[in-house]
Amino acid sequence: MKFTFSKSSVLAYASSIVLLGVSMPMFTPIFALGNPESCRALKPPYIYSVAYFISMGHYHQECENNPLAAVSSFTQAIQLNPQAEEPYYHRANAYYELRNYQAAVADYTQIISQNTGKFGFSSAAYWNRARAYEQLGEKQKAISDLTRLIGDSSLNADEYLLRGKLYKNLGNKESAIADYKIAEKLLQQSLNGDFGTGPIDAENAKKLDKVRNELSQLHS
């Protein structure tokens, strides 16, 4: 299967979705932060198009630290093509940054309902919507999205970590322990290089210590 999209879209997408299991989709692209050269390259010449407004949205968010202006640009892209997944995804991320979690949920839901899969935003939308639901205190809805992501199994430790946390907060000790045990196994495998990547940075080691501490508390 082949995909064709702009350079700025590729960079934004690549920074938003990491395919290997132990890293999670990020809410906003970070490639331009603190990098004037990237910002200059990111700001496109004016062309009244979806791609232009998406690029301007990234420019506002990453180079000007202005998620409100980013929302405006992504909205203009949506108005030009209401069926395009990408601007909904990035607008949802900008809404999340603004702590407008209800609006973020609405946009992530739009992506999920379209479910075209052409640009691969559906999985990231489920993850980010789960995080937004968590912020809204809607833990069962967050669990439902995470369960949809995990399916029969997943290599993504963070999905199990978050679902385990939500189960724990709801008092479902048995389910929390089950998820934390799977996360522990996946993190240890990652640190051992079982996924073909070799030892990962200290972040996964910190997660492993944390999940073992959680398990110790739940077993006590």
Protein backbone atom coordinates (compact mmCIF):
# COMPACT_ATOMS: atom_id res chain seq x y z
CA MET A 1 0.00 0.00 0.00
CA LYS A 2 1.41 3.41 -0.92
CA PHE A 3 0.67 6.80 0.57
CA THR A 4 1.27 10.23 -0.92
CA PHE A 5 1.25 13.33 1.22
CA SER A 6 3.14 16.57 1.77
CA LYS A 7 6.45 16.85 3.59
CA SER A 8 4.90 18.87 6.42
CA SER A 9 2.14 16.29 6.80
CA VAL A 10 4.65 13.47 6.96
CA LEU A 11 6.64 15.24 9.67
CA ALA A 12 3.55 16.05 11.68
CA TYR A 13 2.22 12.53 11.36
CA ALA A 14 5.53 10.87 12.16
CA SER A 15 5.85 12.88 15.34
CA SER A 16 2.24 12.09 16.31
CA ILE A 17 2.25 8.33 15.84
CA VAL A 18 5.10 5.99 16.81
CA LEU A 19 4.45 2.53 15.53
CA LEU A 20 6.56 0.45 17.91
CA GLY A 21 4.57 -0.66 20.91
CA VAL A 22 6.13 1.07 23.89
CA SER A 23 5.90 4.63 22.56
CA MET A 24 2.58 6.46 22.44
CA PRO A 25 1.12 8.89 19.96
CA MET A 26 1.96 12.41 20.95
CA PHE A 27 -0.64 15.12 21.09
CA THR A 28 1.27 17.67 19.05
CA PRO A 29 4.24 17.57 16.65
CA ILE A 30 7.49 18.65 18.26
CA PHE A 31 9.97 18.78 15.39
CA ALA A 32 9.98 22.60 15.17
CA LEU A 33 10.22 23.46 18.85
CA GLY A 34 13.21 25.69 19.57
CA ASN A 35 14.43 25.33 15.99
CA PRO A 36 14.21 28.56 13.93
CA GLU A 37 15.28 26.77 10.77
CA SER A 38 12.42 24.28 11.09
CA CYS A 39 10.01 27.13 11.75
CA ARG A 40 11.10 28.98 8.63
CA ALA A 41 10.68 25.81 6.60
CA LEU A 42 7.34 25.11 8.22
CA LYS A 43 5.72 28.43 7.31
CA PRO A 44 4.39 27.89 3.76
CA PRO A 45 3.80 30.42 0.99
CA TYR A 46 0.17 31.47 0.88
CA ILE A 47 -1.95 29.08 -1.17
CA TYR A 48 -5.65 28.83 -0.37
CA SER A 49 -5.69 25.08 0.20
CA VAL A 50 -6.17 22.42 2.87
CA ALA A 51 -2.42 21.75 2.96
CA TYR A 52 -1.69 25.45 3.48
CA PHE A 53 -4.01 25.80 6.46
CA ILE A 54 -2.72 22.56 8.01
CA SER A 55 0.86 23.83 7.70
CA MET A 56 -0.13 27.20 9.16
CA GLY A 57 -1.81 25.40 12.04
CA HIS A 58 1.44 23.59 12.81
CA TYR A 59 3.34 26.87 12.48
CA HIS A 60 1.04 28.63 14.97
CA GLN A 61 1.19 25.75 17.42
CA GLU A 62 4.87 24.87 17.26
CA CYS A 63 6.61 28.11 16.36
CA GLU A 64 4.31 30.68 17.95
CA ASN A 65 3.02 28.52 20.81
CA ASN A 66 -0.47 29.67 19.90
CA PRO A 67 -2.87 26.70 19.90
CA LEU A 68 -5.87 29.03 19.56
CA ALA A 69 -4.57 30.35 16.23
CA ALA A 70 -3.79 26.75 15.28
CA VAL A 71 -7.43 25.80 15.92
CA SER A 72 -8.49 28.60 13.57
CA SER A 73 -6.18 27.40 10.78
CA PHE A 74 -7.21 23.76 11.15
CA THR A 75 -10.86 24.86 11.12
CA GLN A 76 -10.31 26.63 7.81
CA ALA A 77 -8.79 23.43 6.42
CA ILE A 78 -11.85 21.50 7.59
CA GLN A 79 -14.17 24.02 5.96
CA LEU A 80 -12.38 23.46 2.66
CA ASN A 81 -12.63 19.68 2.97
CA PRO A 82 -14.93 18.40 5.75
CA GLN A 83 -14.05 14.80 4.83
CA ALA A 84 -10.31 15.16 5.47
CA GLU A 85 -9.13 13.34 8.60
CA GLU A 86 -5.86 15.17 9.14
CA PRO A 87 -7.11 18.66 10.10
CA TYR A 88 -9.64 17.16 12.54
CA TYR A 89 -6.82 15.24 14.22
CA HIS A 90 -4.54 18.23 14.57
CA ARG A 91 -7.38 20.51 15.67
CA ALA A 92 -8.29 17.97 18.34
CA ASN A 93 -4.69 18.02 19.57
CA ALA A 94 -4.77 21.83 19.70
CA TYR A 95 -8.05 21.72 21.62
CA TYR A 96 -6.45 19.26 24.04
CA GLU A 97 -3.56 21.64 24.57
CA LEU A 98 -6.12 24.36 25.33
CA ARG A 99 -7.76 21.96 27.83
CA ASN A 100 -10.97 22.08 25.83
CA TYR A 101 -11.41 18.34 26.24
CA GLN A 102 -15.03 18.23 25.08
CA ALA A 103 -14.08 19.81 21.75
CA ALA A 104 -11.11 17.46 21.47
CA VAL A 105 -13.37 14.45 22.05
CA ALA A 106 -15.75 15.69 19.34
CA ASP A 107 -12.95 15.92 16.77
CA TYR A 108 -11.40 12.58 17.70
CA THR A 109 -14.88 11.07 17.42
CA GLN A 110 -15.24 12.56 13.95
CA ILE A 111 -12.04 10.82 12.86
CA ILE A 112 -13.15 7.52 14.36
CA SER A 113 -16.58 7.76 12.73
CA GLN A 114 -15.00 8.38 9.33
CA ASN A 115 -12.61 5.47 9.95
CA THR A 116 -11.14 5.71 6.48
CA GLY A 117 -7.75 4.43 7.61
CA LYS A 118 -6.11 6.16 4.66
CA PHE A 119 -3.79 8.23 6.83
CA GLY A 120 -3.75 6.06 9.88
CA PHE A 121 -5.23 8.55 12.34
CA SER A 122 -7.89 6.25 13.79
CA SER A 123 -5.64 4.46 16.30
CA ALA A 124 -4.11 7.72 17.50
CA ALA A 125 -7.60 9.19 17.78
CA TYR A 126 -8.71 6.34 20.05
CA TRP A 127 -5.65 6.83 22.26
CA ASN A 128 -5.99 10.60 22.46
CA ARG A 129 -9.74 10.40 23.01
CA ALA A 130 -9.12 8.02 25.91
CA ARG A 131 -6.77 10.60 27.41
CA ALA A 132 -9.36 13.33 26.90
CA TYR A 133 -12.04 11.17 28.52
CA GLU A 134 -9.66 10.63 31.44
CA GLN A 135 -9.34 14.39 31.86
CA LEU A 136 -13.12 14.70 31.81
CA GLY A 137 -13.44 12.03 34.50
CA GLU A 138 -15.21 9.63 32.13
CA LYS A 139 -13.12 6.63 33.06
CA GLN A 140 -15.39 3.92 31.61
CA LYS A 141 -15.38 5.61 28.20
CA ALA A 142 -11.61 5.89 28.37
CA ILE A 143 -11.36 2.18 29.22
CA SER A 144 -13.62 1.36 26.29
CA ASP A 145 -11.35 3.22 23.86
CA LEU A 146 -8.24 1.56 25.28
CA THR A 147 -9.87 -1.86 25.06
CA ARG A 148 -10.67 -1.17 21.42
CA LEU A 149 -7.01 -0.28 20.83
CA ILE A 150 -5.63 -3.29 22.66
CA GLY A 151 -7.95 -5.81 21.01
CA ASP A 152 -6.81 -9.38 21.61
CA SER A 153 -3.32 -8.15 22.43
CA SER A 154 -1.04 -5.16 21.96
CA LEU A 155 2.69 -4.47 22.09
CA ASN A 156 2.05 -1.01 23.48
CA ALA A 157 2.81 -0.96 27.19
CA ASP A 158 1.34 2.52 27.64
CA GLU A 159 -2.12 1.31 26.65
CA TYR A 160 -2.03 -1.26 29.44
CA LEU A 161 -0.50 1.24 31.88
CA LEU A 162 -3.28 3.76 31.36
CA ARG A 163 -6.06 1.17 31.41
CA GLY A 164 -4.57 -0.37 34.55
CA LYS A 165 -4.52 3.05 36.19
CA LEU A 166 -8.16 3.63 35.28
CA TYR A 167 -9.18 0.19 36.57
CA LYS A 168 -7.33 0.92 39.82
CA ASN A 169 -9.10 4.28 40.19
CA LEU A 170 -12.44 2.52 39.70
CA GLY A 171 -11.57 -0.04 42.37
CA ASN A 172 -11.25 -2.94 39.91
CA LYS A 173 -8.12 -4.38 41.51
CA GLU A 174 -8.07 -7.65 39.57
CA SER A 175 -8.21 -5.99 36.15
CA ALA A 176 -5.65 -3.39 37.20
CA ILE A 177 -3.19 -6.11 38.26
CA ALA A 178 -3.70 -7.99 34.98
CA ASP A 179 -2.95 -4.90 32.90
CA TYR A 180 0.05 -3.87 34.99
CA LYS A 181 1.53 -7.36 34.67
CA ILE A 182 1.29 -7.22 30.88
CA ALA A 183 2.82 -3.71 30.87
CA GLU A 184 5.65 -4.97 33.09
CA LYS A 185 6.39 -7.81 30.69
CA LEU A 186 6.35 -5.55 27.61
CA LEU A 187 8.59 -2.95 29.21
CA GLN A 188 11.09 -5.60 30.30
CA GLN A 189 11.07 -7.09 26.80
CA SER A 190 11.68 -3.68 25.31
CA LEU A 191 14.61 -3.00 27.62
CA ASN A 192 16.00 -6.44 26.74
CA GLY A 193 15.85 -5.55 23.05
CA ASP A 194 13.25 -8.22 22.26
CA PHE A 195 11.52 -5.90 19.77
CA GLY A 196 14.68 -5.51 17.70
CA THR A 197 15.42 -1.99 18.93
CA GLY A 198 18.01 -2.71 21.59
CA PRO A 199 17.93 -1.06 25.00
CA ILE A 200 15.62 1.98 25.05
CA ASP A 201 16.30 5.18 26.97
CA ALA A 202 15.79 5.57 30.70
CA GLU A 203 12.12 6.49 30.27
CA ASN A 204 11.05 2.87 29.93
CA ALA A 205 13.17 1.91 32.92
CA LYS A 206 11.30 4.54 34.94
CA LYS A 207 7.98 3.15 33.71
CA LEU A 208 9.07 -0.35 34.68
CA ASP A 209 9.97 0.79 38.21
CA LYS A 210 6.63 2.58 38.47
CA VAL A 211 4.54 -0.37 37.34
CA ARG A 212 6.36 -2.70 39.72
CA ASN A 213 5.64 -0.28 42.53
CA GLU A 214 1.97 -0.23 41.53
CA LEU A 215 1.86 -4.02 41.52
CA SER A 216 3.51 -4.15 44.93
CA GLN A 217 0.88 -1.80 46.34
CA LEU A 218 -1.99 -3.72 44.75
CA HIS A 219 -0.71 -7.02 46.12
CA SER A 220 -0.24 -5.67 49.64
